[in-house]
Structures are given as structure tokens and as C-alpha cells.
Amino acid sequence: MAQGRLVPARRIDRWLYLAATIVLVDQLSKWLVLAWLQPGDVVYVALFFNWVLTFNPGAAFSFLSDASGWQRWFFTALALAVAAWIVFVLPRHSSDFRLSLALTLILGGAIGNVIDRLRFGAVVDFIQWHVAGLYWPAFNVADSALCIGAALIVWDQFTSRPTHRPAAEPDRPEQS
């Protein structure tokens, strides 16, 4: 029986450490905000930036926040499925820095928000940007990681070179 060459497993531990760090920073920031602010409090930080405390039972931009409660479990299941998929595909792309970083940011952000949904039934948001009386919906560290990860994936798709080239057509003899 022929001996096959052992191929080293692609290491994803550094990416998982980064995802865990994102979750830790996200949860620590939320813990501090929950200890410091009450819902409805607004703390002026700069001309364009406030600290607020809101609970978002929906998704980005409060999508489905007024649904009857099923969205909590839907978004929890969706985030866990995405996280599992990322852990499954990350070893295949661990040497592609930009894509691995993007997937890791999404992984950390998804898990950070899942923890909130399980603990509070909603995501804790507290960062609020505004300009000229126009307010961006409040968000958090996990949301930032998710958005940056998604933007990196889009950027990667537009700037990366194709990895597969179509096979050249074999030369065919001319027919007379």
C-alpha cells in the first residue's frame, strides 16, 4: 500500500483568536455601557458622536425590530449558521489575508450579537453618529466588525485576480 504525503492542516488559530478578541471587546464595551447608561440616556461626546443605550430586537437598521419576537430566534439561528460556515471554510482560505480577515470580522461580530440576543432578546447598541440633525442608527463593536468584514469581501471580489483560468481550447485541424 502506497504511503501518501501528509499535508499539514491549515492553521486558523490566529483567525479564531482575532474573532475571540472581537467578541471580548464587543462584550466588554456593552458591559461598560450597560453599567453606565440607562435606556434613553444620551451622552454628548463630540459634534457628530453620542453614546446612547438602545436595544435592537431586529437586524441592521432595526430591520424587523417591530416583529412579534420570532426574529430573535431567526437572527440567532442565521448568525450561528454563518459562524459555523465560516469556521468550516476558513481553513481553505487561511493564507488569503484579506478574505480571512473579512470572514474573521464577520465571525466575531456575529457571535458578539448572538450573545446579546440570547442574554437580552435584543442587540445592545450604543454608538450614535450624527451630522446636521441627521442621525445614523445606533450600532456597536460587533456591528462595526460585521460591516467592515462585508466591505472587505466586496472589495476582495472587485480587486482580486481570478484564481482559475479557463482551459485553452485544444488545437483542431482545419477542415477543407
Protein backbone atom coordinates (compact mmCIF):
# COMPACT_ATOMS: atom_id res chain seq x y z
CA MET A 1 0.00 0.00 0.00
CA ALA A 2 1.45 3.36 -1.04
CA GLN A 3 2.14 5.91 1.63
CA GLY A 4 0.50 9.28 0.98
CA ARG A 5 2.16 12.53 1.88
CA LEU A 6 0.77 14.19 4.95
CA VAL A 7 -0.45 17.68 4.25
CA PRO A 8 -0.28 19.99 7.26
CA ALA A 9 -3.63 21.27 8.41
CA ARG A 10 -4.18 24.89 7.52
CA ARG A 11 -3.83 26.86 10.71
CA ILE A 12 -6.74 29.05 11.61
CA ASP A 13 -5.90 29.57 15.26
CA ARG A 14 -4.72 33.16 14.71
CA TRP A 15 -8.01 33.95 12.99
CA LEU A 16 -10.01 32.34 15.78
CA TYR A 17 -8.02 34.34 18.35
CA LEU A 18 -8.88 37.52 16.46
CA ALA A 19 -12.58 36.55 16.37
CA ALA A 20 -12.47 35.87 20.11
CA THR A 21 -10.82 39.26 20.68
CA ILE A 22 -13.61 40.96 18.72
CA VAL A 23 -16.21 39.17 20.84
CA LEU A 24 -14.36 40.12 24.02
CA VAL A 25 -14.04 43.81 23.08
CA ASP A 26 -17.68 43.88 21.95
CA GLN A 27 -18.98 42.31 25.15
CA LEU A 28 -16.73 44.40 27.39
CA SER A 29 -17.87 47.61 25.70
CA LYS A 30 -21.51 46.59 26.12
CA TRP A 31 -20.93 45.68 29.76
CA LEU A 32 -19.47 49.14 30.39
CA VAL A 33 -22.33 50.89 28.59
CA LEU A 34 -24.95 48.84 30.46
CA ALA A 35 -23.29 49.77 33.76
CA TRP A 36 -23.05 53.44 32.84
CA LEU A 37 -26.20 54.32 30.86
CA GLN A 38 -29.93 53.77 31.18
CA PRO A 39 -32.13 53.27 28.10
CA GLY A 40 -32.89 56.68 26.65
CA ASP A 41 -29.77 58.36 28.08
CA VAL A 42 -27.75 60.38 25.59
CA VAL A 43 -24.17 61.40 26.37
CA TYR A 44 -22.75 64.05 24.07
CA VAL A 45 -19.19 63.17 23.04
CA ALA A 46 -18.48 65.38 20.02
CA LEU A 47 -20.29 67.41 17.36
CA PHE A 48 -21.05 64.23 15.43
CA PHE A 49 -20.99 61.50 18.07
CA ASN A 50 -23.08 60.43 21.10
CA TRP A 51 -23.22 57.48 23.47
CA VAL A 52 -26.76 56.12 23.78
CA LEU A 53 -28.25 52.88 25.05
CA THR A 54 -30.75 51.10 22.86
CA PHE A 55 -31.88 47.51 22.49
CA ASN A 56 -32.46 46.40 18.90
CA PRO A 57 -34.52 43.20 18.56
CA GLY A 58 -34.18 43.37 14.76
CA ALA A 59 -31.25 43.34 12.40
CA ALA A 60 -29.22 46.14 10.82
CA PHE A 61 -31.05 49.48 10.73
CA SER A 62 -33.68 47.94 13.06
CA PHE A 63 -34.95 45.72 10.24
CA LEU A 64 -37.83 43.61 11.63
CA SER A 65 -37.49 45.21 15.06
CA ASP A 66 -41.26 45.53 15.32
CA ALA A 67 -41.92 41.84 14.53
CA SER A 68 -43.63 39.68 17.14
CA GLY A 69 -40.48 38.09 18.62
CA TRP A 70 -39.72 35.32 16.14
CA GLN A 71 -36.88 37.43 14.71
CA ARG A 72 -34.80 36.87 17.85
CA TRP A 73 -34.53 33.16 17.10
CA PHE A 74 -34.34 33.63 13.34
CA PHE A 75 -31.37 36.02 13.55
CA THR A 76 -29.73 33.87 16.24
CA ALA A 77 -30.00 30.76 14.07
CA LEU A 78 -28.86 32.66 10.98
CA ALA A 79 -25.81 34.08 12.77
CA LEU A 80 -24.88 30.68 14.20
CA ALA A 81 -25.21 29.08 10.76
CA VAL A 82 -22.99 31.78 9.23
CA ALA A 83 -20.46 31.35 12.05
CA ALA A 84 -20.37 27.57 11.52
CA TRP A 85 -19.93 28.04 7.77
CA ILE A 86 -17.06 30.48 8.34
CA VAL A 87 -15.29 28.07 10.71
CA PHE A 88 -15.74 25.37 8.04
CA VAL A 89 -14.37 27.42 5.10
CA LEU A 90 -11.70 29.44 6.91
CA PRO A 91 -9.06 26.67 6.77
CA ARG A 92 -9.30 26.70 2.96
CA HIS A 93 -8.57 30.41 2.84
CA SER A 94 -6.29 30.89 5.86
CA SER A 95 -3.38 32.04 3.67
CA ASP A 96 -5.53 34.67 1.90
CA PHE A 97 -5.10 37.53 4.36
CA ARG A 98 -7.85 39.86 3.17
CA LEU A 99 -10.54 37.18 2.83
CA SER A 100 -9.58 35.53 6.12
CA LEU A 101 -9.68 38.89 7.88
CA ALA A 102 -13.10 39.63 6.39
CA LEU A 103 -14.51 36.26 7.43
CA THR A 104 -12.99 36.61 10.90
CA LEU A 105 -14.54 40.05 11.41
CA ILE A 106 -17.92 38.66 10.39
CA LEU A 107 -17.45 35.66 12.69
CA GLY A 108 -16.58 37.81 15.71
CA GLY A 109 -19.39 40.26 15.03
CA ALA A 110 -21.98 37.54 14.53
CA ILE A 111 -21.06 35.79 17.77
CA GLY A 112 -21.00 39.06 19.70
CA ASN A 113 -24.55 39.86 18.63
CA VAL A 114 -25.74 36.28 19.23
CA ILE A 115 -24.63 36.59 22.85
CA ASP A 116 -26.79 39.71 23.18
CA ARG A 117 -29.81 38.05 21.59
CA LEU A 118 -29.53 35.11 23.97
CA ARG A 119 -28.97 37.31 27.05
CA PHE A 120 -31.33 40.19 26.38
CA GLY A 121 -33.57 39.15 23.47
CA ALA A 122 -32.10 42.07 21.53
CA VAL A 123 -28.75 43.52 20.50
CA VAL A 124 -27.24 46.23 22.69
CA ASP A 125 -26.40 49.29 20.56
CA PHE A 126 -24.69 52.39 21.92
CA ILE A 127 -22.64 54.26 19.30
CA GLN A 128 -24.56 57.03 17.54
CA TRP A 129 -23.19 59.20 14.72
CA HIS A 130 -25.00 62.29 13.51
CA VAL A 131 -24.50 65.32 11.31
CA ALA A 132 -26.71 68.36 10.71
CA GLY A 133 -29.60 66.83 12.63
CA LEU A 134 -29.45 63.55 10.68
CA TYR A 135 -28.84 60.52 12.90
CA TRP A 136 -27.34 57.19 11.87
CA PRO A 137 -28.95 54.24 13.69
CA ALA A 138 -27.07 53.29 16.86
CA PHE A 139 -24.63 50.41 16.49
CA ASN A 140 -21.93 48.54 18.44
CA VAL A 141 -18.48 46.98 18.06
CA ALA A 142 -19.91 43.73 16.66
CA ASP A 143 -21.92 45.64 14.05
CA SER A 144 -18.76 47.52 13.06
CA ALA A 145 -16.86 44.25 12.64
CA LEU A 146 -19.68 42.79 10.54
CA CYS A 147 -19.83 45.83 8.26
CA ILE A 148 -16.06 46.08 7.83
CA GLY A 149 -15.90 42.34 7.10
CA ALA A 150 -18.67 42.60 4.50
CA ALA A 151 -16.96 45.62 2.89
CA LEU A 152 -13.67 43.71 2.73
CA ILE A 153 -15.38 40.80 0.97
CA VAL A 154 -16.89 43.17 -1.61
CA TRP A 155 -13.51 44.88 -2.05
CA ASP A 156 -11.82 41.49 -2.38
CA GLN A 157 -14.26 40.45 -5.10
CA PHE A 158 -13.61 43.61 -7.11
CA THR A 159 -9.82 43.68 -6.71
CA SER A 160 -8.65 40.08 -6.63
CA ARG A 161 -7.44 38.30 -9.71
CA PRO A 162 -9.22 35.16 -10.83
CA THR A 163 -7.62 32.05 -9.42
CA HIS A 164 -8.78 29.81 -12.26
CA ARG A 165 -8.15 30.42 -15.89
CA PRO A 166 -10.34 28.69 -18.42
CA ALA A 167 -8.55 25.84 -20.11
CA ALA A 168 -7.30 26.70 -23.58
CA GLU A 169 -9.12 25.13 -26.46
CA PRO A 170 -7.08 22.30 -27.97
CA ASP A 171 -5.80 22.95 -31.48
CA ARG A 172 -8.09 21.43 -34.04
CA PRO A 173 -7.02 20.53 -37.53
CA GLU A 174 -8.63 22.71 -40.17
CA GLN A 175 -11.17 21.01 -42.34
CA SER A 176 -11.23 21.67 -46.07
